[in-house]
Amino acid sequence: TLQKTTKPPRVLGETDTYIEAEVALEDIVQGSEVAQGQEQITQTN
């Protein structure tokens, strides 16, 4: 678990105001539920 989760992501693209990092497949799967849930939000705050 520690080897998978602590491996630093590789930067795919970066500007002064934006950065994109490459992540392992299992991390994307684990984070997918959060992303799907937030896409259903219509209005916040």
All heavy atoms as atom14 arrays in JSON, in Angstrom:
{
  "sequence": "TLQKTTKPPRVLGETDTYIEAEVALEDIVQGSEVAQGQEQITQTN",
  "atom14_mask": [
    [1, 1, 1, 1, 1, 1, 1, 0, 0, 0, 0, 0, 0, 0],
    [1, 1, 1, 1, 1, 1, 1, 1, 0, 0, 0, 0, 0, 0],
    [1, 1, 1, 1, 1, 1, 1, 1, 1, 0, 0, 0, 0, 0],
    [1, 1, 1, 1, 1, 1, 1, 1, 1, 0, 0, 0, 0, 0],
    [1, 1, 1, 1, 1, 1, 1, 0, 0, 0, 0, 0, 0, 0],
    [1, 1, 1, 1, 1, 1, 1, 0, 0, 0, 0, 0, 0, 0],
    [1, 1, 1, 1, 1, 1, 1, 1, 1, 0, 0, 0, 0, 0],
    [1, 1, 1, 1, 1, 1, 1, 0, 0, 0, 0, 0, 0, 0],
    [1, 1, 1, 1, 1, 1, 1, 0, 0, 0, 0, 0, 0, 0],
    [1, 1, 1, 1, 1, 1, 1, 1, 1, 1, 1, 0, 0, 0],
    [1, 1, 1, 1, 1, 1, 1, 0, 0, 0, 0, 0, 0, 0],
    [1, 1, 1, 1, 1, 1, 1, 1, 0, 0, 0, 0, 0, 0],
    [1, 1, 1, 1, 0, 0, 0, 0, 0, 0, 0, 0, 0, 0],
    [1, 1, 1, 1, 1, 1, 1, 1, 1, 0, 0, 0, 0, 0],
    [1, 1, 1, 1, 1, 1, 1, 0, 0, 0, 0, 0, 0, 0],
    [1, 1, 1, 1, 1, 1, 1, 1, 0, 0, 0, 0, 0, 0],
    [1, 1, 1, 1, 1, 1, 1, 0, 0, 0, 0, 0, 0, 0],
    [1, 1, 1, 1, 1, 1, 1, 1, 1, 1, 1, 1, 0, 0],
    [1, 1, 1, 1, 1, 1, 1, 1, 0, 0, 0, 0, 0, 0],
    [1, 1, 1, 1, 1, 1, 1, 1, 1, 0, 0, 0, 0, 0],
    [1, 1, 1, 1, 1, 0, 0, 0, 0, 0, 0, 0, 0, 0],
    [1, 1, 1, 1, 1, 1, 1, 1, 1, 0, 0, 0, 0, 0],
    [1, 1, 1, 1, 1, 1, 1, 0, 0, 0, 0, 0, 0, 0],
    [1, 1, 1, 1, 1, 0, 0, 0, 0, 0, 0, 0, 0, 0],
    [1, 1, 1, 1, 1, 1, 1, 1, 0, 0, 0, 0, 0, 0],
    [1, 1, 1, 1, 1, 1, 1, 1, 1, 0, 0, 0, 0, 0],
    [1, 1, 1, 1, 1, 1, 1, 1, 0, 0, 0, 0, 0, 0],
    [1, 1, 1, 1, 1, 1, 1, 1, 0, 0, 0, 0, 0, 0],
    [1, 1, 1, 1, 1, 1, 1, 0, 0, 0, 0, 0, 0, 0],
    [1, 1, 1, 1, 1, 1, 1, 1, 1, 0, 0, 0, 0, 0],
    [1, 1, 1, 1, 0, 0, 0, 0, 0, 0, 0, 0, 0, 0],
    [1, 1, 1, 1, 1, 1, 0, 0, 0, 0, 0, 0, 0, 0],
    [1, 1, 1, 1, 1, 1, 1, 1, 1, 0, 0, 0, 0, 0],
    [1, 1, 1, 1, 1, 1, 1, 0, 0, 0, 0, 0, 0, 0],
    [1, 1, 1, 1, 1, 0, 0, 0, 0, 0, 0, 0, 0, 0],
    [1, 1, 1, 1, 1, 1, 1, 1, 1, 0, 0, 0, 0, 0],
    [1, 1, 1, 1, 0, 0, 0, 0, 0, 0, 0, 0, 0, 0],
    [1, 1, 1, 1, 1, 1, 1, 1, 1, 0, 0, 0, 0, 0],
    [1, 1, 1, 1, 1, 1, 1, 1, 1, 0, 0, 0, 0, 0],
    [1, 1, 1, 1, 1, 1, 1, 1, 1, 0, 0, 0, 0, 0],
    [1, 1, 1, 1, 1, 1, 1, 1, 0, 0, 0, 0, 0, 0],
    [1, 1, 1, 1, 1, 1, 1, 0, 0, 0, 0, 0, 0, 0],
    [1, 1, 1, 1, 1, 1, 1, 1, 1, 0, 0, 0, 0, 0],
    [1, 1, 1, 1, 1, 1, 1, 0, 0, 0, 0, 0, 0, 0],
    [1, 1, 1, 1, 1, 1, 1, 1, 0, 0, 0, 0, 0, 0]
  ],
  "atom14_positions": [
    [[0.82, -1.21, 0.0], [0.0, 0.0, 0.0], [0.85, 1.25, 0.0], [0.61, 2.19, -0.75], [-0.93, 0.01, 1.23], [-1.69, -1.19, 1.24], [-1.85, 1.22, 1.2], [0.0, 0.0, 0.0], [0.0, 0.0, 0.0], [0.0, 0.0, 0.0], [0.0, 0.0, 0.0], [0.0, 0.0, 0.0], [0.0, 0.0, 0.0], [0.0, 0.0, 0.0]],
    [[1.89, 1.27, 0.82], [2.72, 2.45, 0.92], [3.48, 2.7, -0.36], [3.65, 3.83, -0.79], [3.71, 2.3, 2.09], [3.09, 2.41, 3.49], [4.16, 2.13, 4.54], [2.49, 3.77, 3.71], [0.0, 0.0, 0.0], [0.0, 0.0, 0.0], [0.0, 0.0, 0.0], [0.0, 0.0, 0.0], [0.0, 0.0, 0.0], [0.0, 0.0, 0.0]],
    [[3.89, 1.64, -1.03], [4.61, 1.82, -2.29], [3.71, 2.43, -3.34], [4.13, 3.24, -4.15], [5.16, 0.47, -2.77], [6.36, -0.02, -1.97], [6.85, -1.38, -2.45], [6.19, -2.03, -3.25], [8.0, -1.79, -1.97], [0.0, 0.0, 0.0], [0.0, 0.0, 0.0], [0.0, 0.0, 0.0], [0.0, 0.0, 0.0], [0.0, 0.0, 0.0]],
    [[2.43, 2.04, -3.32], [1.51, 2.54, -4.34], [1.07, 3.97, -4.06], [0.94, 4.76, -4.97], [0.27, 1.64, -4.41], [0.56, 0.29, -5.06], [-0.71, -0.53, -5.14], [-0.45, -1.88, -5.8], [-1.67, -2.71, -5.88], [0.0, 0.0, 0.0], [0.0, 0.0, 0.0], [0.0, 0.0, 0.0], [0.0, 0.0, 0.0], [0.0, 0.0, 0.0]],
    [[0.84, 4.27, -2.77], [0.23, 5.56, -2.46], [1.24, 6.67, -2.26], [0.88, 7.83, -2.35], [-0.64, 5.44, -1.21], [0.17, 4.94, -0.14], [-1.81, 4.5, -1.44], [0.0, 0.0, 0.0], [0.0, 0.0, 0.0], [0.0, 0.0, 0.0], [0.0, 0.0, 0.0], [0.0, 0.0, 0.0], [0.0, 0.0, 0.0], [0.0, 0.0, 0.0]],
    [[2.5, 6.34, -1.96], [3.46, 7.39, -1.7], [4.35, 7.68, -2.9], [5.2, 8.54, -2.84], [4.36, 7.02, -0.51], [5.04, 5.78, -0.79], [3.54, 6.87, 0.76], [0.0, 0.0, 0.0], [0.0, 0.0, 0.0], [0.0, 0.0, 0.0], [0.0, 0.0, 0.0], [0.0, 0.0, 0.0], [0.0, 0.0, 0.0], [0.0, 0.0, 0.0]],
    [[4.15, 6.94, -3.98], [4.94, 7.19, -5.18], [4.59, 8.56, -5.75], [3.42, 8.84, -6.01], [4.67, 6.11, -6.22], [5.51, 6.25, -7.47], [5.2, 5.12, -8.44], [6.04, 5.26, -9.71], [5.73, 4.18, -10.67], [0.0, 0.0, 0.0], [0.0, 0.0, 0.0], [0.0, 0.0, 0.0], [0.0, 0.0, 0.0], [0.0, 0.0, 0.0]],
    [[5.54, 9.46, -5.9], [5.2, 10.81, -6.36], [4.66, 10.79, -7.79], [5.18, 10.06, -8.65], [6.55, 11.55, -6.29], [7.58, 10.48, -6.35], [6.98, 9.28, -5.69], [0.0, 0.0, 0.0], [0.0, 0.0, 0.0], [0.0, 0.0, 0.0], [0.0, 0.0, 0.0], [0.0, 0.0, 0.0], [0.0, 0.0, 0.0], [0.0, 0.0, 0.0]],
    [[3.6, 11.55, -8.06], [3.04, 11.58, -9.41], [3.98, 12.28, -10.38], [4.73, 13.17, -10.0], [1.74, 12.37, -9.23], [1.98, 13.21, -8.03], [2.87, 12.41, -7.14], [0.0, 0.0, 0.0], [0.0, 0.0, 0.0], [0.0, 0.0, 0.0], [0.0, 0.0, 0.0], [0.0, 0.0, 0.0], [0.0, 0.0, 0.0], [0.0, 0.0, 0.0]],
    [[3.91, 11.87, -11.63], [4.73, 12.49, -12.67], [3.95, 13.63, -13.29], [2.78, 13.47, -13.66], [5.11, 11.46, -13.74], [6.05, 12.0, -14.81], [6.61, 10.85, -15.63], [5.58, 10.21, -16.4], [5.26, 10.55, -17.65], [5.89, 11.54, -18.25], [4.32, 9.9, -18.29], [0.0, 0.0, 0.0], [0.0, 0.0, 0.0], [0.0, 0.0, 0.0]],
    [[4.57, 14.79, -13.42], [3.92, 15.96, -13.99], [3.82, 15.81, -15.49], [4.82, 15.62, -16.19], [4.68, 17.25, -13.63], [4.05, 18.44, -14.31], [4.7, 17.45, -12.12], [0.0, 0.0, 0.0], [0.0, 0.0, 0.0], [0.0, 0.0, 0.0], [0.0, 0.0, 0.0], [0.0, 0.0, 0.0], [0.0, 0.0, 0.0], [0.0, 0.0, 0.0]],
    [[2.59, 15.87, -16.01], [2.37, 15.76, -17.46], [2.38, 17.11, -18.14], [2.8, 17.25, -19.28], [1.04, 15.05, -17.73], [0.93, 13.61, -17.24], [-0.44, 13.04, -17.6], [2.03, 12.75, -17.83], [0.0, 0.0, 0.0], [0.0, 0.0, 0.0], [0.0, 0.0, 0.0], [0.0, 0.0, 0.0], [0.0, 0.0, 0.0], [0.0, 0.0, 0.0]],
    [[1.87, 18.12, -17.46], [1.82, 19.46, -18.04], [1.7, 20.49, -16.95], [1.03, 20.26, -15.94], [0.0, 0.0, 0.0], [0.0, 0.0, 0.0], [0.0, 0.0, 0.0], [0.0, 0.0, 0.0], [0.0, 0.0, 0.0], [0.0, 0.0, 0.0], [0.0, 0.0, 0.0], [0.0, 0.0, 0.0], [0.0, 0.0, 0.0], [0.0, 0.0, 0.0]],
    [[2.37, 21.62, -17.12], [2.34, 22.64, -16.08], [2.53, 24.02, -16.69], [3.35, 24.22, -17.59], [3.44, 22.38, -15.04], [3.46, 23.4, -13.91], [4.52, 23.08, -12.87], [5.3, 22.12, -13.08], [4.57, 23.79, -11.85], [0.0, 0.0, 0.0], [0.0, 0.0, 0.0], [0.0, 0.0, 0.0], [0.0, 0.0, 0.0], [0.0, 0.0, 0.0]],
    [[1.72, 24.97, -16.21], [1.91, 26.39, -16.52], [1.98, 27.12, -15.19], [1.98, 26.5, -14.13], [0.75, 26.93, -17.36], [-0.46, 26.89, -16.58], [0.54, 26.11, -18.63], [0.0, 0.0, 0.0], [0.0, 0.0, 0.0], [0.0, 0.0, 0.0], [0.0, 0.0, 0.0], [0.0, 0.0, 0.0], [0.0, 0.0, 0.0], [0.0, 0.0, 0.0]],
    [[2.01, 28.43, -15.23], [2.04, 29.2, -13.99], [0.78, 28.98, -13.15], [0.81, 29.07, -11.92], [2.17, 30.7, -14.28], [3.58, 31.06, -14.73], [4.49, 30.25, -14.5], [3.75, 32.14, -15.32], [0.0, 0.0, 0.0], [0.0, 0.0, 0.0], [0.0, 0.0, 0.0], [0.0, 0.0, 0.0], [0.0, 0.0, 0.0], [0.0, 0.0, 0.0]],
    [[-0.34, 28.71, -13.82], [-1.61, 28.65, -13.09], [-2.27, 27.28, -13.13], [-3.34, 27.09, -12.56], [-2.61, 29.66, -13.69], [-2.82, 29.34, -15.07], [-2.08, 31.07, -13.57], [0.0, 0.0, 0.0], [0.0, 0.0, 0.0], [0.0, 0.0, 0.0], [0.0, 0.0, 0.0], [0.0, 0.0, 0.0], [0.0, 0.0, 0.0], [0.0, 0.0, 0.0]],
    [[-1.66, 26.27, -13.77], [-2.32, 24.97, -13.92], [-1.29, 23.87, -13.94], [-0.19, 24.03, -14.5], [-3.14, 24.93, -15.22], [-3.74, 23.58, -15.53], [-4.87, 23.14, -14.85], [-3.17, 22.74, -16.47], [-5.43, 21.89, -15.12], [-3.72, 21.49, -16.75], [-4.85, 21.07, -16.07], [-5.39, 19.84, -16.33], [0.0, 0.0, 0.0], [0.0, 0.0, 0.0]],
    [[-1.61, 22.73, -13.33], [-0.72, 21.57, -13.34], [-1.55, 20.31, -13.44], [-2.65, 20.21, -12.89], [0.17, 21.53, -12.07], [1.21, 20.42, -12.2], [-0.65, 21.38, -10.82], [2.27, 20.44, -11.11], [0.0, 0.0, 0.0], [0.0, 0.0, 0.0], [0.0, 0.0, 0.0], [0.0, 0.0, 0.0], [0.0, 0.0, 0.0], [0.0, 0.0, 0.0]],
    [[-1.03, 19.33, -14.21], [-1.67, 18.04, -14.35], [-0.66, 16.96, -14.01], [0.49, 17.0, -14.48], [-2.18, 17.85, -15.78], [-2.83, 16.5, -16.02], [-3.37, 16.36, -17.45], [-3.36, 17.37, -18.18], [-3.78, 15.24, -17.8], [0.0, 0.0, 0.0], [0.0, 0.0, 0.0], [0.0, 0.0, 0.0], [0.0, 0.0, 0.0], [0.0, 0.0, 0.0]],
    [[-1.07, 16.01, -13.17], [-0.16, 14.96, -12.73], [-0.65, 13.6, -13.19], [-1.85, 13.34, -13.24], [-0.03, 14.99, -11.21], [0.0, 0.0, 0.0], [0.0, 0.0, 0.0], [0.0, 0.0, 0.0], [0.0, 0.0, 0.0], [0.0, 0.0, 0.0], [0.0, 0.0, 0.0], [0.0, 0.0, 0.0], [0.0, 0.0, 0.0], [0.0, 0.0, 0.0]],
    [[0.3, 12.73, -13.55], [-0.04, 11.35, -13.92], [-0.15, 10.53, -12.65], [0.72, 10.59, -11.77], [1.05, 10.77, -14.82], [0.73, 9.37, -15.31], [1.87, 8.81, -16.15], [3.03, 8.88, -15.68], [1.61, 8.34, -17.26], [0.0, 0.0, 0.0], [0.0, 0.0, 0.0], [0.0, 0.0, 0.0], [0.0, 0.0, 0.0], [0.0, 0.0, 0.0]],
    [[-1.2, 9.73, -12.54], [-1.41, 8.94, -11.33], [-1.6, 7.48, -11.71], [-1.91, 7.14, -12.85], [-2.65, 9.44, -10.55], [-2.41, 10.82, -10.03], [-3.88, 9.4, -11.43], [0.0, 0.0, 0.0], [0.0, 0.0, 0.0], [0.0, 0.0, 0.0], [0.0, 0.0, 0.0], [0.0, 0.0, 0.0], [0.0, 0.0, 0.0], [0.0, 0.0, 0.0]],
    [[-1.41, 6.61, -10.69], [-1.6, 5.18, -10.92], [-3.07, 4.86, -11.14], [-3.96, 5.58, -10.67], [-1.07, 4.41, -9.72], [0.0, 0.0, 0.0], [0.0, 0.0, 0.0], [0.0, 0.0, 0.0], [0.0, 0.0, 0.0], [0.0, 0.0, 0.0], [0.0, 0.0, 0.0], [0.0, 0.0, 0.0], [0.0, 0.0, 0.0], [0.0, 0.0, 0.0]],
    [[-3.34, 3.75, -11.81], [-4.71, 3.38, -12.15], [-5.57, 3.21, -10.91], [-6.71, 3.63, -10.86], [-4.72, 2.1, -12.98], [-6.1, 1.56, -13.39], [-6.82, 2.58, -14.25], [-5.96, 0.24, -14.13], [0.0, 0.0, 0.0], [0.0, 0.0, 0.0], [0.0, 0.0, 0.0], [0.0, 0.0, 0.0], [0.0, 0.0, 0.0], [0.0, 0.0, 0.0]],
    [[-4.98, 2.56, -9.85], [-5.78, 2.33, -8.65], [-6.17, 3.63, -7.97], [-7.22, 3.75, -7.36], [-5.01, 1.45, -7.65], [-3.69, 2.02, -7.19], [-2.52, 1.56, -8.04], [-2.76, 1.22, -9.21], [-1.39, 1.56, -7.55], [0.0, 0.0, 0.0], [0.0, 0.0, 0.0], [0.0, 0.0, 0.0], [0.0, 0.0, 0.0], [0.0, 0.0, 0.0]],
    [[-5.32, 4.68, -8.08], [-5.66, 5.97, -7.48], [-6.82, 6.62, -8.2], [-7.67, 7.25, -7.62], [-4.45, 6.9, -7.5], [-3.42, 6.5, -6.45], [-3.83, 5.99, -5.4], [-2.23, 6.7, -6.7], [0.0, 0.0, 0.0], [0.0, 0.0, 0.0], [0.0, 0.0, 0.0], [0.0, 0.0, 0.0], [0.0, 0.0, 0.0], [0.0, 0.0, 0.0]],
    [[-6.83, 6.46, -9.54], [-7.92, 7.02, -10.33], [-9.23, 6.32, -9.98], [-10.27, 6.94, -9.83], [-7.63, 6.89, -11.84], [-6.38, 7.69, -12.19], [-8.81, 7.36, -12.67], [-5.95, 7.55, -13.63], [0.0, 0.0, 0.0], [0.0, 0.0, 0.0], [0.0, 0.0, 0.0], [0.0, 0.0, 0.0], [0.0, 0.0, 0.0], [0.0, 0.0, 0.0]],
    [[-9.18, 5.0, -9.81], [-10.38, 4.25, -9.44], [-10.87, 4.67, -8.07], [-12.06, 4.89, -7.84], [-10.08, 2.73, -9.46], [-11.26, 1.96, -8.89], [-9.78, 2.28, -10.88], [0.0, 0.0, 0.0], [0.0, 0.0, 0.0], [0.0, 0.0, 0.0], [0.0, 0.0, 0.0], [0.0, 0.0, 0.0], [0.0, 0.0, 0.0], [0.0, 0.0, 0.0]],
    [[-9.94, 4.84, -7.11], [-10.33, 5.24, -5.76], [-10.92, 6.64, -5.75], [-11.79, 6.95, -4.96], [-9.13, 5.18, -4.83], [-8.69, 3.76, -4.51], [-7.35, 3.71, -3.82], [-6.62, 4.7, -3.83], [-7.01, 2.57, -3.24], [0.0, 0.0, 0.0], [0.0, 0.0, 0.0], [0.0, 0.0, 0.0], [0.0, 0.0, 0.0], [0.0, 0.0, 0.0]],
    [[-10.43, 7.52, -6.61], [-10.92, 8.89, -6.63], [-12.14, 9.09, -7.49], [-12.74, 10.14, -7.48], [0.0, 0.0, 0.0], [0.0, 0.0, 0.0], [0.0, 0.0, 0.0], [0.0, 0.0, 0.0], [0.0, 0.0, 0.0], [0.0, 0.0, 0.0], [0.0, 0.0, 0.0], [0.0, 0.0, 0.0], [0.0, 0.0, 0.0], [0.0, 0.0, 0.0]],
    [[-12.56, 8.04, -8.25], [-13.65, 8.22, -9.19], [-14.98, 8.48, -8.49], [-15.81, 9.22, -8.97], [-13.78, 6.99, -10.1], [-14.08, 5.84, -9.31], [0.0, 0.0, 0.0], [0.0, 0.0, 0.0], [0.0, 0.0, 0.0], [0.0, 0.0, 0.0], [0.0, 0.0, 0.0], [0.0, 0.0, 0.0], [0.0, 0.0, 0.0], [0.0, 0.0, 0.0]],
    [[-15.18, 7.84, -7.31], [-16.44, 8.05, -6.61], [-16.6, 9.49, -6.19], [-17.68, 10.06, -6.25], [-16.49, 7.14, -5.38], [-16.52, 5.66, -5.73], [-16.58, 4.8, -4.49], [-16.62, 5.39, -3.39], [-16.59, 3.57, -4.63], [0.0, 0.0, 0.0], [0.0, 0.0, 0.0], [0.0, 0.0, 0.0], [0.0, 0.0, 0.0], [0.0, 0.0, 0.0]],
    [[-15.51, 10.13, -5.76], [-15.56, 11.53, -5.36], [-15.94, 12.4, -6.55], [-16.8, 13.27, -6.47], [-14.21, 11.98, -4.77], [-14.26, 13.46, -4.43], [-13.89, 11.16, -3.52], [0.0, 0.0, 0.0], [0.0, 0.0, 0.0], [0.0, 0.0, 0.0], [0.0, 0.0, 0.0], [0.0, 0.0, 0.0], [0.0, 0.0, 0.0], [0.0, 0.0, 0.0]],
    [[-15.28, 12.16, -7.69], [-15.53, 12.98, -8.87], [-16.97, 12.84, -9.34], [-17.63, 13.81, -9.67], [-14.56, 12.58, -9.99], [0.0, 0.0, 0.0], [0.0, 0.0, 0.0], [0.0, 0.0, 0.0], [0.0, 0.0, 0.0], [0.0, 0.0, 0.0], [0.0, 0.0, 0.0], [0.0, 0.0, 0.0], [0.0, 0.0, 0.0], [0.0, 0.0, 0.0]],
    [[-17.49, 11.57, -9.35], [-18.85, 11.37, -9.81], [-19.85, 12.05, -8.89], [-20.81, 12.64, -9.33], [-19.14, 9.87, -9.87], [-18.39, 9.16, -10.99], [-18.56, 7.66, -10.94], [-19.24, 7.13, -10.06], [-17.95, 6.96, -11.87], [0.0, 0.0, 0.0], [0.0, 0.0, 0.0], [0.0, 0.0, 0.0], [0.0, 0.0, 0.0], [0.0, 0.0, 0.0]],
    [[-19.58, 11.96, -7.6], [-20.49, 12.59, -6.65], [-20.53, 14.09, -6.8], [-21.56, 14.72, -6.7], [0.0, 0.0, 0.0], [0.0, 0.0, 0.0], [0.0, 0.0, 0.0], [0.0, 0.0, 0.0], [0.0, 0.0, 0.0], [0.0, 0.0, 0.0], [0.0, 0.0, 0.0], [0.0, 0.0, 0.0], [0.0, 0.0, 0.0], [0.0, 0.0, 0.0]],
    [[-19.38, 14.69, -7.1], [-19.34, 16.15, -7.2], [-19.95, 16.64, -8.5], [-20.43, 17.74, -8.58], [-17.89, 16.62, -7.07], [-17.4, 16.53, -5.64], [-15.91, 16.6, -5.56], [-15.22, 16.41, -6.54], [-15.38, 16.85, -4.37], [0.0, 0.0, 0.0], [0.0, 0.0, 0.0], [0.0, 0.0, 0.0], [0.0, 0.0, 0.0], [0.0, 0.0, 0.0]],
    [[-19.94, 15.8, -9.54], [-20.56, 16.21, -10.79], [-22.07, 16.34, -10.64], [-22.72, 16.99, -11.44], [-20.21, 15.21, -11.89], [-18.76, 15.33, -12.35], [-18.4, 14.28, -13.37], [-19.29, 13.47, -13.7], [-17.25, 14.26, -13.84], [0.0, 0.0, 0.0], [0.0, 0.0, 0.0], [0.0, 0.0, 0.0], [0.0, 0.0, 0.0], [0.0, 0.0, 0.0]],
    [[-22.63, 15.67, -9.62], [-24.07, 15.73, -9.42], [-24.5, 16.98, -8.66], [-25.67, 17.28, -8.57], [-24.51, 14.49, -8.64], [-24.28, 13.19, -9.42], [-24.57, 11.96, -8.58], [-24.93, 12.07, -7.41], [-24.41, 10.8, -9.17], [0.0, 0.0, 0.0], [0.0, 0.0, 0.0], [0.0, 0.0, 0.0], [0.0, 0.0, 0.0], [0.0, 0.0, 0.0]],
    [[-23.54, 17.72, -8.11], [-23.86, 18.94, -7.37], [-24.3, 20.02, -8.35], [-23.64, 20.26, -9.35], [-22.65, 19.43, -6.57], [-22.24, 18.36, -5.54], [-22.96, 20.73, -5.86], [-20.95, 18.67, -4.83], [0.0, 0.0, 0.0], [0.0, 0.0, 0.0], [0.0, 0.0, 0.0], [0.0, 0.0, 0.0], [0.0, 0.0, 0.0], [0.0, 0.0, 0.0]],
    [[-25.41, 20.67, -8.09], [-25.89, 21.71, -9.0], [-25.63, 23.11, -8.47], [-25.49, 24.05, -9.23], [-27.4, 21.55, -9.24], [-28.07, 21.56, -7.98], [-27.69, 20.23, -9.95], [0.0, 0.0, 0.0], [0.0, 0.0, 0.0], [0.0, 0.0, 0.0], [0.0, 0.0, 0.0], [0.0, 0.0, 0.0], [0.0, 0.0, 0.0], [0.0, 0.0, 0.0]],
    [[-25.55, 23.24, -7.17], [-25.3, 24.56, -6.61], [-24.75, 24.42, -5.2], [-25.23, 23.6, -4.43], [-26.59, 25.39, -6.57], [-26.38, 26.85, -6.31], [-25.68, 27.54, -7.45], [-25.73, 27.11, -8.58], [-25.0, 28.62, -7.16], [0.0, 0.0, 0.0], [0.0, 0.0, 0.0], [0.0, 0.0, 0.0], [0.0, 0.0, 0.0], [0.0, 0.0, 0.0]],
    [[-23.71, 25.17, -4.86], [-23.11, 25.07, -3.54], [-22.83, 26.46, -3.0], [-22.73, 27.42, -3.74], [-21.79, 24.29, -3.6], [-20.91, 24.93, -4.52], [-22.01, 22.85, -4.03], [0.0, 0.0, 0.0], [0.0, 0.0, 0.0], [0.0, 0.0, 0.0], [0.0, 0.0, 0.0], [0.0, 0.0, 0.0], [0.0, 0.0, 0.0], [0.0, 0.0, 0.0]],
    [[-22.73, 26.51, -1.67], [-22.31, 27.75, -1.02], [-23.18, 28.94, -1.4], [-22.69, 30.0, -1.79], [-20.85, 28.06, -1.33], [-19.92, 26.99, -0.8], [-19.71, 26.9, 0.39], [-19.38, 26.19, -1.69], [0.0, 0.0, 0.0], [0.0, 0.0, 0.0], [0.0, 0.0, 0.0], [0.0, 0.0, 0.0], [0.0, 0.0, 0.0], [0.0, 0.0, 0.0]]
  ]
}
